[in-house]
């Protein structure tokens, strides 16, 4: 889809406690994070407590509650345009199957087409944010430090230029558990966690060159992290904030809408499918390899639906091959209870989706062929392990 004049592009950070929303349109120069208080940088929107429980328990009300929450947040963008004109990328700490199903359904209830909805985790949002900053900020490696609760996690963004397109990875490199003060005076505790954080940074960086570092979390401030920040700022650009993931999600939606280009770079995350799947079909009288799922997308974004006729067979053959090379594998799905019919008198509907980066779920339904050969109502489901 090409970015159209009246389109509005939205990035949404869906968090357990707080959520955030950013948008971009033709009048913007970059994604703008929405504040709950006009004129102030108050970006955090309280997430209703029941949403995560309802969705993860797969309760029917979960999708409705989530849709209502999206609607409340979109009302902040009412002047920018209706949901029907939106392309939305939703980012979360981790994408699991209940959310992969619930988020698109909730947005569809508001009029956002499924084809205009994208999902990604925080690491991928970091990738989109970092590479849409000035190039001098990612000439070398980029660090991200996230302070949440009693934990600081350190991540490294690295660009490998050994192949084309360049492969970009975001890897967790360090973790630091900061126990509660346990009666220590504020000044003593601040000095202690400053020295612990500094040690963590030094071990993570080693002798590698970093162009920049980003600090995420309200706990970061120069009142306690004096030595740590001083070290980070040596020959590096350092930024602090809470809306990096939100903007990263918006940049992702912009790239998918072709409002920006990230050509030449490929993000390789831990949820990325590394296999191409396809099958042989006769199309317009010629036997052809028909691609079903392409490698390089996150498992929760990969799905394919199609209908086709079969010639006297009661099984289907699929092929998979890793992008890393090696042999091609064959996978078979059998449906012995399919009624006997003449050739091309059976129409099947097939849907493929993933439950993990190496597990493809295939659902097949017998549609029959008109009133002469009505559907048997039979359905088959299997999991292809890659």
Protein backbone atom coordinates (compact mmCIF):
# COMPACT_ATOMS: atom_id res chain seq x y z
CA UNK A 1 0.00 0.00 0.00
CA UNK A 2 1.28 3.47 -0.86
CA UNK A 3 0.81 6.26 1.65
CA UNK A 4 -2.15 8.35 0.55
CA UNK A 5 -2.85 12.01 1.23
CA UNK A 6 -5.50 11.53 3.92
CA UNK A 7 -3.98 8.49 5.60
CA UNK A 8 -2.89 8.60 9.22
CA UNK A 9 -0.16 6.27 10.42
CA UNK A 10 -0.27 5.12 14.03
CA UNK A 11 2.21 3.46 16.37
CA UNK A 12 0.74 1.96 19.53
CA UNK A 13 2.74 0.69 22.52
CA UNK A 14 0.44 -1.69 24.41
CA UNK A 15 1.80 -2.15 27.92
CA UNK A 16 0.47 -3.92 30.99
CA UNK A 17 0.41 -0.77 33.12
CA UNK A 18 0.66 2.10 30.64
CA UNK A 19 0.22 2.44 26.89
CA UNK A 20 1.27 5.16 24.43
CA UNK A 21 0.22 6.29 20.99
CA UNK A 22 2.10 8.16 18.25
CA UNK A 23 0.97 9.27 14.81
CA UNK A 24 2.28 10.56 11.51
CA UNK A 25 0.53 12.27 8.60
CA UNK A 26 1.44 14.56 5.73
CA UNK A 27 1.57 17.55 8.04
CA UNK A 28 4.21 15.88 10.27
CA UNK A 29 7.97 15.78 9.87
CA UNK A 30 8.33 12.75 12.16
CA UNK A 31 6.14 10.62 14.46
CA UNK A 32 4.45 12.67 17.17
CA UNK A 33 3.70 11.06 20.53
CA UNK A 34 0.32 12.07 21.90
CA UNK A 35 0.23 13.73 25.32
CA UNK A 36 -2.67 13.23 27.69
CA UNK A 37 -2.19 16.82 28.88
CA UNK A 38 -1.97 19.55 26.26
CA UNK A 39 1.37 21.34 26.26
CA UNK A 40 3.11 18.75 28.45
CA UNK A 41 5.06 15.54 27.78
CA UNK A 42 2.56 13.28 29.55
CA UNK A 43 2.61 10.29 27.21
CA UNK A 44 1.48 7.44 29.45
CA UNK A 45 -2.12 6.27 29.12
CA UNK A 46 -3.25 3.91 31.92
CA UNK A 47 -4.06 0.48 30.49
CA UNK A 48 -7.28 -0.98 31.99
CA UNK A 49 -6.27 -3.74 34.39
CA UNK A 50 -8.66 -6.36 33.06
CA UNK A 51 -7.53 -6.27 29.42
CA UNK A 52 -4.43 -8.46 29.78
CA UNK A 53 -6.21 -10.96 31.99
CA UNK A 54 -9.21 -11.25 29.66
CA UNK A 55 -7.18 -11.56 26.45
CA UNK A 56 -4.63 -14.02 27.82
CA UNK A 57 -7.42 -16.17 29.25
CA UNK A 58 -8.97 -16.03 25.76
CA UNK A 59 -12.21 -14.68 27.19
CA UNK A 60 -14.69 -13.41 24.59
CA UNK A 61 -14.87 -10.07 26.37
CA UNK A 62 -11.11 -9.61 25.92
CA UNK A 63 -11.37 -8.50 22.29
CA UNK A 64 -14.27 -6.16 23.12
CA UNK A 65 -12.41 -4.60 26.05
CA UNK A 66 -9.29 -4.17 23.93
CA UNK A 67 -11.30 -2.62 21.10
CA UNK A 68 -12.91 -0.15 23.51
CA UNK A 69 -9.47 0.83 24.81
CA UNK A 70 -8.17 1.39 21.28
CA UNK A 71 -11.23 3.54 20.58
CA UNK A 72 -10.58 5.71 23.64
CA UNK A 73 -6.98 6.24 22.55
CA UNK A 74 -7.93 6.94 18.93
CA UNK A 75 -10.32 9.61 20.16
CA UNK A 76 -7.19 11.61 20.97
CA UNK A 77 -6.52 11.56 17.20
CA UNK A 78 -10.06 12.47 16.19
CA UNK A 79 -8.91 15.63 14.43
CA UNK A 80 -6.46 13.61 12.33
CA UNK A 81 -9.01 11.23 10.81
CA UNK A 82 -11.21 8.15 11.42
CA UNK A 83 -9.89 4.60 12.05
CA UNK A 84 -10.91 3.63 8.51
CA UNK A 85 -8.03 5.79 7.24
CA UNK A 86 -5.45 4.37 9.63
CA UNK A 87 -2.50 2.03 9.23
CA UNK A 88 -1.57 0.77 12.71
CA UNK A 89 1.47 -1.01 14.13
CA UNK A 90 1.01 -2.34 17.65
CA UNK A 91 4.12 -3.14 19.68
CA UNK A 92 4.35 -5.16 22.88
CA UNK A 93 7.12 -6.59 25.00
CA UNK A 94 6.42 -10.04 23.58
CA UNK A 95 3.92 -11.22 20.98
CA UNK A 96 2.03 -14.37 21.97
CA UNK A 97 -0.79 -16.15 20.19
CA UNK A 98 -3.69 -14.62 22.20
CA UNK A 99 -2.51 -11.12 21.23
CA UNK A 100 -1.78 -12.11 17.64
CA UNK A 101 -5.46 -13.03 17.35
CA UNK A 102 -6.99 -10.34 19.58
CA UNK A 103 -5.26 -7.17 18.34
CA UNK A 104 -6.32 -7.41 14.65
CA UNK A 105 -9.85 -8.44 15.67
CA UNK A 106 -10.14 -5.49 18.08
CA UNK A 107 -8.95 -3.05 15.43
CA UNK A 108 -11.23 -4.53 12.77
CA UNK A 109 -14.17 -3.80 15.06
CA UNK A 110 -13.21 -0.12 14.71
CA UNK A 111 -12.93 -0.28 10.93
CA UNK A 112 -9.17 -0.80 10.55
CA UNK A 113 -8.60 -3.38 7.82
CA UNK A 114 -6.53 -6.45 8.74
CA UNK A 115 -4.13 -5.70 5.88
CA UNK A 116 -3.34 -2.36 7.55
CA UNK A 117 -2.47 -3.86 10.94
CA UNK A 118 1.07 -4.91 11.87
CA UNK A 119 2.46 -6.46 15.04
CA UNK A 120 5.97 -6.41 16.48
CA UNK A 121 7.84 -6.74 19.76
CA UNK A 122 9.89 -4.07 21.52
CA UNK A 123 13.19 -5.18 20.02
CA UNK A 124 11.91 -4.66 16.50
CA UNK A 125 10.51 -1.26 17.48
CA UNK A 126 13.98 -0.34 18.75
CA UNK A 127 15.39 -1.30 15.33
CA UNK A 128 12.90 0.91 13.48
CA UNK A 129 13.51 3.83 15.82
CA UNK A 130 17.31 3.63 15.79
CA UNK A 131 17.70 3.36 12.01
CA UNK A 132 15.43 6.33 11.43
CA UNK A 133 17.70 8.63 13.42
CA UNK A 134 20.72 10.46 12.05
CA UNK A 135 23.15 7.95 10.54
CA UNK A 136 26.00 9.14 12.79
CA UNK A 137 24.03 7.65 15.70
CA UNK A 138 24.30 4.13 14.30
CA UNK A 139 27.65 4.15 12.49
CA UNK A 140 28.79 1.64 15.12
CA UNK A 141 26.77 -0.38 17.61
CA UNK A 142 23.82 1.11 19.47
CA UNK A 143 22.97 0.36 23.11
CA UNK A 144 19.58 0.35 24.78
CA UNK A 145 19.16 0.23 28.56
CA UNK A 146 15.68 -0.40 29.89
CA UNK A 147 14.91 0.16 33.58
CA UNK A 148 11.64 -1.43 34.73
CA UNK A 149 10.80 -2.48 38.26
CA UNK A 150 14.00 -3.73 39.90
CA UNK A 151 15.64 -4.77 36.63
CA UNK A 152 17.86 -3.06 34.09
CA UNK A 153 18.27 -4.91 30.79
CA UNK A 154 20.91 -4.00 28.24
CA UNK A 155 20.46 -4.58 24.49
CA UNK A 156 22.85 -4.20 21.58
CA UNK A 157 21.86 -3.24 18.04
CA UNK A 158 24.44 -4.45 15.54
CA UNK A 159 24.57 -4.10 11.75
CA UNK A 160 26.36 -6.85 9.86
CA UNK A 161 27.64 -5.64 6.50
CA UNK A 162 28.87 -9.04 5.33
CA UNK A 163 25.77 -9.57 3.19
CA UNK A 164 23.31 -7.49 1.20
CA UNK A 165 20.88 -6.45 2.43
CA UNK A 166 22.71 -5.63 5.66
CA UNK A 167 21.41 -7.77 8.51
CA UNK A 168 20.45 -5.95 11.72
CA UNK A 169 20.09 -7.77 15.03
CA UNK A 170 19.04 -6.65 18.50
CA UNK A 171 20.47 -8.89 21.21
CA UNK A 172 20.04 -8.89 24.96
CA UNK A 173 23.58 -8.56 26.32
CA UNK A 174 23.25 -7.87 30.05
CA UNK A 175 20.85 -7.83 33.00
CA UNK A 176 21.14 -6.22 36.39
CA UNK A 177 18.84 -6.97 39.32
CA UNK A 178 18.67 -4.03 41.71
CA UNK A 179 17.35 -5.27 45.05
CA UNK A 180 15.24 -2.94 47.10
CA UNK A 181 17.04 -0.50 49.36
CA UNK A 182 16.31 -2.63 52.45
CA UNK A 183 16.59 0.28 54.85
CA UNK A 184 19.63 1.86 53.23
CA UNK A 185 19.75 5.63 53.17
CA UNK A 186 18.82 7.18 49.82
CA UNK A 187 22.31 8.56 49.23
CA UNK A 188 23.99 5.22 50.01
CA UNK A 189 21.55 3.32 47.78
CA UNK A 190 22.04 5.74 44.87
CA UNK A 191 25.82 5.37 45.03
CA UNK A 192 25.47 1.59 45.15
CA UNK A 193 23.20 1.22 42.13
CA UNK A 194 25.25 3.78 40.20
CA UNK A 195 28.41 1.70 40.67
CA UNK A 196 26.54 -1.53 39.80
CA UNK A 197 25.09 0.00 36.63
CA UNK A 198 28.47 1.40 35.62
CA UNK A 199 30.04 -2.03 36.02
CA UNK A 200 27.28 -3.56 33.89
CA UNK A 201 27.85 -1.01 31.10
CA UNK A 202 31.61 -1.51 31.10
CA UNK A 203 31.29 -5.29 30.88
CA UNK A 204 28.70 -5.06 28.11
CA UNK A 205 30.67 -2.59 26.01
CA UNK A 206 34.07 -4.22 26.48
CA UNK A 207 36.27 -2.96 23.67
CA UNK A 208 33.44 -2.55 21.16
CA UNK A 209 32.61 0.84 19.66
CA UNK A 210 29.16 2.28 20.33
CA UNK A 211 27.84 5.36 18.55
CA UNK A 212 24.92 6.02 20.87
CA UNK A 213 22.94 4.80 23.86
CA UNK A 214 19.28 5.13 24.77
CA UNK A 215 17.91 5.01 28.31
CA UNK A 216 14.27 4.00 28.73
CA UNK A 217 12.42 4.21 32.02
CA UNK A 218 11.40 6.87 34.48
CA UNK A 219 13.86 5.51 37.05
CA UNK A 220 16.80 6.83 35.04
CA UNK A 221 17.98 10.23 36.19
CA UNK A 222 21.23 12.03 36.92
CA UNK A 223 20.49 12.17 40.65
CA UNK A 224 21.74 8.62 41.10
CA UNK A 225 23.36 7.63 37.75
CA UNK A 226 26.03 10.34 37.78
CA UNK A 227 29.09 8.12 37.13
CA UNK A 228 27.19 5.88 34.72
CA UNK A 229 25.96 8.77 32.59
CA UNK A 230 29.39 10.37 32.63
CA UNK A 231 30.90 7.16 31.25
CA UNK A 232 28.16 6.73 28.64
CA UNK A 233 28.60 10.28 27.34
CA UNK A 234 32.27 9.78 26.50
CA UNK A 235 32.41 9.97 22.69
CA UNK A 236 28.80 8.79 22.45
CA UNK A 237 25.41 10.39 21.98
CA UNK A 238 23.08 9.55 24.89
CA UNK A 239 19.31 10.02 24.99
CA UNK A 240 16.72 9.45 27.69
CA UNK A 241 12.96 9.07 27.36
CA UNK A 242 9.95 6.77 27.59
CA UNK A 243 8.42 6.87 24.11
CA UNK A 244 11.07 5.13 21.98
CA UNK A 245 8.99 1.99 21.36
CA UNK A 246 5.93 4.03 20.41
CA UNK A 247 7.84 6.03 17.82
CA UNK A 248 9.54 2.85 16.59
CA UNK A 249 6.13 1.29 15.97
CA UNK A 250 5.07 4.39 14.05
CA UNK A 251 8.23 4.28 11.90
CA UNK A 252 7.43 0.63 11.16
CA UNK A 253 3.94 1.55 9.96
CA UNK A 254 5.44 4.37 7.88
CA UNK A 255 7.83 1.96 6.19
CA UNK A 256 5.02 -0.50 5.41
CA UNK A 257 2.96 2.36 3.96
CA UNK A 258 5.98 3.43 1.87
CA UNK A 259 6.07 6.83 3.56
CA UNK A 260 9.76 6.10 4.26
CA UNK A 261 12.26 3.63 2.81
CA UNK A 262 14.60 1.32 4.72
CA UNK A 263 15.88 -0.44 1.64
CA UNK A 264 19.19 -2.22 2.10
CA UNK A 265 18.55 -3.30 5.70
CA UNK A 266 16.90 -6.48 7.00
CA UNK A 267 15.91 -6.94 10.62
CA UNK A 268 16.56 -10.48 11.83
CA UNK A 269 14.68 -11.04 15.07
CA UNK A 270 14.21 -14.16 17.15
CA UNK A 271 10.60 -14.46 15.86
CA UNK A 272 11.61 -14.38 12.19
CA UNK A 273 10.68 -17.36 10.00
CA UNK A 274 13.75 -18.78 8.28
CA UNK A 275 11.94 -21.07 5.83
CA UNK A 276 10.21 -20.63 2.49
CA UNK A 277 7.11 -22.81 2.09
CA UNK A 278 5.36 -23.68 -1.15
CA UNK A 279 3.68 -26.38 -3.20
CA UNK A 280 3.43 -27.46 -6.82
CA UNK A 281 0.25 -26.44 -8.63
CA UNK A 282 -1.04 -26.45 -12.18
CA UNK A 283 -1.80 -22.83 -13.03
CA UNK A 284 -3.20 -22.04 -16.49
CA UNK A 285 -2.20 -25.50 -17.67
CA UNK A 286 1.42 -25.23 -16.51
CA UNK A 287 2.87 -26.99 -13.45
CA UNK A 288 4.31 -24.21 -11.30
CA UNK A 289 5.83 -23.79 -7.87
CA UNK A 290 3.34 -21.76 -5.83
CA UNK A 291 4.86 -19.84 -2.89
CA UNK A 292 2.80 -19.90 0.31
CA UNK A 293 4.92 -18.38 3.08
CA UNK A 294 8.10 -16.40 2.52
CA UNK A 295 11.02 -16.30 4.94
CA UNK A 296 11.99 -13.05 6.60
CA UNK A 297 8.72 -12.21 8.35
CA UNK A 298 7.75 -12.69 11.99
CA UNK A 299 5.79 -15.87 12.65
CA UNK A 300 2.83 -13.88 13.97
CA UNK A 301 2.64 -11.90 10.71
CA UNK A 302 2.80 -14.96 8.46
CA UNK A 303 -0.42 -16.41 7.10
CA UNK A 304 -1.79 -17.47 3.75
CA UNK A 305 -5.27 -18.37 2.51
CA UNK A 306 -6.24 -19.83 -0.85
CA UNK A 307 -8.71 -22.13 -2.60
CA UNK A 308 -7.91 -24.74 -5.24
CA UNK A 309 -9.25 -27.80 -7.03
CA UNK A 310 -7.72 -31.27 -6.69
CA UNK A 311 -7.42 -34.13 -9.15
CA UNK A 312 -8.36 -37.43 -7.53
CA UNK A 313 -5.86 -37.13 -4.68
CA UNK A 314 -6.43 -37.40 -0.95
CA UNK A 315 -3.22 -35.75 0.16
CA UNK A 316 -1.27 -32.55 -0.35
CA UNK A 317 2.49 -32.12 -0.56
CA UNK A 318 4.32 -29.07 0.73
CA UNK A 319 7.97 -28.13 0.47
CA UNK A 320 10.13 -26.12 2.84
CA UNK A 321 13.69 -24.88 2.53
CA UNK A 322 15.78 -22.83 4.91
CA UNK A 323 17.21 -19.49 3.77
CA UNK A 324 20.47 -20.71 5.32
CA UNK A 325 20.72 -23.36 2.60
CA UNK A 326 20.58 -27.12 2.81
CA UNK A 327 18.15 -29.60 1.35
CA UNK A 328 14.48 -29.11 0.58
CA UNK A 329 12.03 -30.99 2.82
CA UNK A 330 8.70 -32.50 1.83
CA UNK A 331 5.65 -32.48 4.12
CA UNK A 332 2.41 -34.39 3.49
CA UNK A 333 -1.14 -33.84 4.68
CA UNK A 334 -3.65 -36.65 4.14
CA UNK A 335 -7.46 -36.49 4.23
CA UNK A 336 -8.70 -40.10 3.79
CA UNK A 337 -12.33 -39.27 4.68
CA UNK A 338 -12.72 -36.98 1.67
CA UNK A 339 -15.66 -38.22 -0.49
CA UNK A 340 -14.83 -39.83 -3.83
CA UNK A 341 -15.54 -37.36 -6.63
CA UNK A 342 -14.43 -36.87 -10.24
CA UNK A 343 -11.28 -34.87 -10.97
CA UNK A 344 -11.70 -31.11 -10.33
CA UNK A 345 -14.99 -31.69 -8.53
CA UNK A 346 -13.49 -30.96 -5.11
CA UNK A 347 -12.62 -27.45 -4.00
CA UNK A 348 -10.54 -27.04 -0.87
CA UNK A 349 -9.98 -23.97 1.28
CA UNK A 350 -6.61 -23.78 3.00
CA UNK A 351 -5.31 -21.43 5.68
CA UNK A 352 -1.74 -21.48 6.96
CA UNK A 353 -0.60 -19.69 10.11
CA UNK A 354 2.21 -20.09 12.61
CA UNK A 355 2.22 -20.81 16.33
CA UNK A 356 5.99 -20.28 16.54
CA UNK A 357 8.89 -19.55 14.20
CA UNK A 358 9.20 -23.26 13.31
CA UNK A 359 5.60 -24.49 13.67
CA UNK A 360 3.15 -23.95 10.81
CA UNK A 361 -0.49 -24.84 11.39
CA UNK A 362 -2.40 -25.88 8.25
CA UNK A 363 -6.21 -25.94 8.20
CA UNK A 364 -8.07 -27.44 5.24
CA UNK A 365 -11.82 -27.49 4.60
CA UNK A 366 -13.79 -29.38 1.95
CA UNK A 367 -15.97 -26.89 0.05
CA UNK A 368 -17.27 -29.39 -2.51
CA UNK A 369 -18.26 -28.05 -5.92
CA UNK A 370 -21.65 -26.40 -6.19
CA UNK A 371 -24.97 -28.24 -5.83
CA UNK A 372 -23.76 -31.32 -7.77
CA UNK A 373 -21.00 -32.08 -5.30
CA UNK A 374 -21.95 -30.40 -2.00
CA UNK A 375 -19.46 -29.90 0.80
CA UNK A 376 -18.99 -32.81 3.17
CA UNK A 377 -18.27 -30.41 6.02
CA UNK A 378 -15.01 -32.24 6.66
CA UNK A 379 -12.06 -30.30 8.07
CA UNK A 380 -8.47 -31.30 8.67
CA UNK A 381 -5.74 -29.67 10.69
CA UNK A 382 -2.09 -30.49 11.14
CA UNK A 383 1.13 -28.85 12.28
CA UNK A 384 4.19 -28.82 10.04
CA UNK A 385 7.37 -28.70 12.09
CA UNK A 386 10.20 -26.97 10.26
